[in-house]
C-alpha atoms as a PDB file:
ATOM      1  CA  MET A   1      31.537 -20.116  30.365  1.00  0.00           C
ATOM      2  CA  THR A   2      30.201 -18.449  27.247  1.00  0.00           C
ATOM      3  CA  ILE A   3      32.071 -18.548  24.004  1.00  0.00           C
ATOM      4  CA  LYS A   4      31.899 -15.405  21.969  1.00  0.00           C
ATOM      5  CA  THR A   5      31.655 -15.992  18.275  1.00  0.00           C
ATOM      6  CA  LYS A   6      32.413 -13.500  15.608  1.00  0.00           C
ATOM      7  CA  PRO A   7      29.422 -12.662  13.417  1.00  0.00           C
ATOM      8  CA  SER A   8      29.657 -14.042   9.921  1.00  0.00           C
ATOM      9  CA  SER A   9      30.885 -11.624   7.304  1.00  0.00           C
ATOM     10  CA  VAL A  10      29.157 -13.596   4.558  1.00  0.00           C
ATOM     11  CA  GLN A  11      26.249 -11.646   3.127  1.00  0.00           C
ATOM     12  CA  PRO A  12      23.670 -12.918   0.661  1.00  0.00           C
ATOM     13  CA  SER A  13      23.713 -11.319  -2.754  1.00  0.00           C
ATOM     14  CA  VAL A  14      20.797 -10.046  -4.782  1.00  0.00           C
ATOM     15  CA  LYS A  15      20.796  -9.842  -8.554  1.00  0.00           C
ATOM     16  CA  ILE A  16      19.596  -6.644 -10.208  1.00  0.00           C
ATOM     17  CA  ASP A  17      19.006  -5.757 -13.826  1.00  0.00           C
ATOM     18  CA  GLN A  18      22.157  -4.783 -15.760  1.00  0.00           C
ATOM     19  CA  ALA A  19      20.711  -1.475 -16.917  1.00  0.00           C
ATOM     20  CA  LEU A  20      19.786  -0.560 -13.335  1.00  0.00           C
ATOM     21  CA  ASN A  21      23.257  -1.599 -12.205  1.00  0.00           C
ATOM     22  CA  ARG A  22      24.897   0.704 -14.805  1.00  0.00           C
ATOM     23  CA  GLU A  23      22.685   3.622 -13.767  1.00  0.00           C
ATOM     24  CA  LEU A  24      23.452   3.021 -10.102  1.00  0.00           C
ATOM     25  CA  ILE A  25      27.203   2.938 -10.768  1.00  0.00           C
ATOM     26  CA  LYS A  26      26.981   6.237 -12.710  1.00  0.00           C
ATOM     27  CA  TRP A  27      24.854   7.871 -10.014  1.00  0.00           C
ATOM     28  CA  LEU A  28      27.183   6.775  -7.197  1.00  0.00           C
ATOM     29  CA  GLN A  29      30.012   8.655  -8.942  1.00  0.00           C
ATOM     30  CA  THR A  30      28.129  11.967  -8.781  1.00  0.00           C
ATOM     31  CA  ASP A  31      28.878  14.627  -6.194  1.00  0.00           C
ATOM     32  CA  TYR A  32      25.262  14.441  -5.020  1.00  0.00           C
ATOM     33  CA  ALA A  33      25.557  10.725  -4.122  1.00  0.00           C
ATOM     34  CA  LYS A  34      28.834  11.400  -2.333  1.00  0.00           C
ATOM     35  CA  ARG A  35      27.306  14.297  -0.377  1.00  0.00           C
ATOM     36  CA  LEU A  36      24.501  11.984   0.723  1.00  0.00           C
ATOM     37  CA  GLY A  37      27.174   9.605   2.012  1.00  0.00           C
ATOM     38  CA  PHE A  38      26.661   6.691  -0.359  1.00  0.00           C
ATOM     39  CA  HIS A  39      29.992   5.021  -1.054  1.00  0.00           C
ATOM     40  CA  SER A  40      28.978   1.711  -2.625  1.00  0.00           C
ATOM     41  CA  LYS A  41      26.151  -0.120  -4.356  1.00  0.00           C
ATOM     42  CA  ALA A  42      25.644  -2.284  -1.280  1.00  0.00           C
ATOM     43  CA  HIS A  43      25.408   0.780   0.970  1.00  0.00           C
ATOM     44  CA  PHE A  44      22.840   2.474  -1.260  1.00  0.00           C
ATOM     45  CA  ILE A  45      20.731  -0.651  -1.833  1.00  0.00           C
ATOM     46  CA  THR A  46      20.735  -1.508   1.878  1.00  0.00           C
ATOM     47  CA  HIS A  47      19.585   2.018   2.688  1.00  0.00           C
ATOM     48  CA  ALA A  48      16.891   1.987  -0.013  1.00  0.00           C
ATOM     49  CA  VAL A  49      15.508  -1.403   1.023  1.00  0.00           C
ATOM     50  CA  ARG A  50      15.416  -0.442   4.722  1.00  0.00           C
ATOM     51  CA  ASP A  51      13.635   2.786   3.822  1.00  0.00           C
ATOM     52  CA  LEU A  52      11.016   0.956   1.749  1.00  0.00           C
ATOM     53  CA  MET A  53      10.517  -1.738   4.371  1.00  0.00           C
ATOM     54  CA  PHE A  54       9.946   0.901   7.038  1.00  0.00           C
ATOM     55  CA  LYS A  55       7.471   2.692   4.799  1.00  0.00           C
ATOM     56  CA  TYR A  56       5.511  -0.457   3.978  1.00  0.00           C
ATOM     57  CA  ARG A  57       5.511  -1.687   7.568  1.00  0.00           C
ATOM     58  CA  THR A  58       4.259   1.576   9.017  1.00  0.00           C
ATOM     59  CA  GLN A  59       1.862   2.812   6.358  1.00  0.00           C
ATOM     60  CA  LYS A  60      -1.022   0.421   6.001  1.00  0.00           C
ATOM     61  CA  TYR A  61      -3.636   2.949   4.905  1.00  0.00           C
ATOM     62  CA  LEU A  62      -3.565   5.760   2.385  1.00  0.00           C
ATOM     63  CA  VAL A  63      -6.196   8.453   1.914  1.00  0.00           C
ATOM     64  CA  ILE A  64      -6.709   8.476  -1.847  1.00  0.00           C
ATOM     65  CA  GLY A  65      -9.286  11.216  -2.112  1.00  0.00           C
ATOM     66  CA  ARG A  66     -12.158  13.244  -0.776  1.00  0.00           C
ATOM     67  CA  ASN A  67     -15.597  13.929  -2.185  1.00  0.00           C
ATOM     68  CA  ASP A  68     -17.529  16.500  -0.123  1.00  0.00           C
ATOM     69  CA  ASP A  69     -18.037  14.853   3.271  1.00  0.00           C
ATOM     70  CA  VAL A  70     -16.464  11.484   2.440  1.00  0.00           C
ATOM     71  CA  PHE A  71     -12.795  10.467   2.587  1.00  0.00           C
ATOM     72  CA  PHE A  72     -11.719   7.344   0.728  1.00  0.00           C
ATOM     73  CA  VAL A  73      -9.147   5.307   2.661  1.00  0.00           C
ATOM     74  CA  LYS A  74      -7.320   2.551   0.801  1.00  0.00           C
ATOM     75  CA  ASP A  75      -5.919  -0.486   2.605  1.00  0.00           C
ATOM     76  CA  LEU A  76      -2.534  -0.976   0.926  1.00  0.00           C
ATOM     77  CA  PHE A  77      -2.358  -4.662   1.846  1.00  0.00           C
ATOM     78  CA  GLU A  78      -5.877  -5.849   1.108  1.00  0.00           C
ATOM     79  CA  GLU A  79      -6.652  -3.418  -1.737  1.00  0.00           C
ATOM     80  CA  LYS A  80      -9.972  -2.418  -0.168  1.00  0.00           C
ATOM     81  CA  ILE A  81     -11.350   1.106  -0.008  1.00  0.00           C
ATOM     82  CA  THR A  82     -13.263   2.265   3.052  1.00  0.00           C
ATOM     83  CA  PRO A  83     -15.350   5.457   3.191  1.00  0.00           C
ATOM     84  CA  VAL A  84     -14.822   7.672   6.237  1.00  0.00           C
ATOM     85  CA  ILE A  85     -17.684  10.136   6.588  1.00  0.00           C
ATOM     86  CA  ILE A  86     -17.775  13.537   8.268  1.00  0.00           C
ATOM     87  CA  ASN A  87     -20.664  13.416  10.731  1.00  0.00           C
ATOM     88  CA  LYS A  88     -21.772  17.073  10.683  1.00  0.00           C
ATOM     89  CA  GLU A  89     -24.194  16.616  13.606  1.00  0.00           C
ATOM     90  CA  LYS A  90     -21.466  15.423  15.989  1.00  0.00           C
ATOM     91  CA  ASN A  91     -18.515  17.153  14.257  1.00  0.00           C
ATOM     92  CA  VAL A  92     -16.490  13.940  14.129  1.00  0.00           C
ATOM     93  CA  LEU A  93     -15.249  11.493  11.535  1.00  0.00           C
ATOM     94  CA  GLN A  94     -17.172   8.235  11.355  1.00  0.00           C
ATOM     95  CA  CYS A  95     -15.881   5.073   9.716  1.00  0.00           C
ATOM     96  CA  SER A  96     -18.466   3.245   7.655  1.00  0.00           C
ATOM     97  CA  LEU A  97     -16.661  -0.081   8.117  1.00  0.00           C
ATOM     98  CA  CYS A  98     -15.771  -0.043  11.805  1.00  0.00           C
ATOM     99  CA  GLU A  99     -18.730   2.121  12.832  1.00  0.00           C
ATOM    100  CA  GLU A 100     -16.399   3.941  15.176  1.00  0.00           C
ATOM    101  CA  ASN A 101     -16.472   7.609  15.994  1.00  0.00           C
ATOM    102  CA  ILE A 102     -15.814   9.852  18.993  1.00  0.00           C
ATOM    103  CA  ASN A 103     -12.327   8.327  19.476  1.00  0.00           C
ATOM    104  CA  LEU A 104      -9.393   7.302  17.361  1.00  0.00           C
ATOM    105  CA  SER A 105      -9.653   3.552  17.881  1.00  0.00           C
ATOM    106  CA  CYS A 106     -10.455   3.107  14.180  1.00  0.00           C
ATOM    107  CA  GLU A 107      -7.368   2.858  11.949  1.00  0.00           C
ATOM    108  CA  HIS A 108      -9.251   4.407   9.010  1.00  0.00           C
ATOM    109  CA  VAL A 109     -10.063   7.563  11.009  1.00  0.00           C
ATOM    110  CA  VAL A 110      -6.446   7.705  12.219  1.00  0.00           C
ATOM    111  CA  ALA A 111      -5.274   7.529   8.583  1.00  0.00           C
ATOM    112  CA  VAL A 112      -7.347  10.600   7.674  1.00  0.00           C
ATOM    113  CA  TRP A 113      -6.053  12.577  10.670  1.00  0.00           C
ATOM    114  CA  GLY A 114      -2.518  11.411   9.829  1.00  0.00           C
ATOM    115  CA  MET A 115      -2.527  13.254   6.509  1.00  0.00           C
ATOM    116  CA  PRO A 116      -1.452  16.856   7.296  1.00  0.00           C
ATOM    117  CA  THR A 117      -3.442  18.428   4.455  1.00  0.00           C
ATOM    118  CA  PHE A 118      -6.680  16.716   5.421  1.00  0.00           C
ATOM    119  CA  ALA A 119      -6.102  17.285   9.141  1.00  0.00           C
ATOM    120  CA  HIS A 120      -5.661  21.010   8.468  1.00  0.00           C
ATOM    121  CA  HIS A 121      -8.912  21.213   6.475  1.00  0.00           C
ATOM    122  CA  LEU A 122     -10.801  19.221   9.119  1.00  0.00           C
ATOM    123  CA  SER A 123      -9.556  21.543  11.844  1.00  0.00           C
ATOM    124  CA  GLU A 124     -10.747  24.527   9.812  1.00  0.00           C
ATOM    125  CA  GLU A 125     -14.155  22.839   9.473  1.00  0.00           C
ATOM    126  CA  LYS A 126     -14.277  22.445  13.283  1.00  0.00           C
ATOM    127  CA  ILE A 127     -14.220  18.642  13.115  1.00  0.00           C
ATOM    128  CA  GLN A 128     -12.987  17.229  16.416  1.00  0.00           C
ATOM    129  CA  CYS A 129      -9.940  15.041  16.684  1.00  0.00           C
ATOM    130  CA  CYS A 130     -10.553  13.150  19.880  1.00  0.00           C
ATOM    131  CA  VAL A 131      -7.748  11.785  21.994  1.00  0.00           C
ATOM    132  CA  ILE A 132      -7.300   8.058  22.435  1.00  0.00           C
ATOM    133  CA  PRO A 133      -8.426   7.246  25.983  1.00  0.00           C
ATOM    134  CA  TYR A 134      -5.792   5.906  28.354  1.00  0.00           C
ATOM    135  CA  ARG A 135      -6.101   2.152  28.748  1.00  0.00           C
ATOM    136  CA  ASN A 136      -4.422   0.496  31.668  1.00  0.00           C
ATOM    137  CA  SER A 137      -2.694  -2.633  30.405  1.00  0.00           C
ATOM    138  CA  PHE A 138      -1.941  -4.081  33.848  1.00  0.00           C
END
């Protein structure tokens, strides 16, 4: 026999700055906040924290710039910058750290292709975006 228990309704609280709290209260009273569906501070803060956590969990690399044939990819967790070079002879991107090209097994190359603006320019320059080969995990 299993006993079903009711989940606890006790939720931990988080302290925020008083000025931020006042601004949040004012903003929640606007028509815009109501149209977005936010009805309380807890609802808004929960949504904002989930959104940020998703962003930080999924986006590890950020392309911070391009100089001619070199993209600069920043690791958001380790604060390192890795150059990704356009190999004009092979028409592919080549990571200077992983020494990977031809496929998208390198996260730095994937980061460059993941930025729509850069991907568009690379496609115009006839740089190939290779498909990740199927790997049987059985």
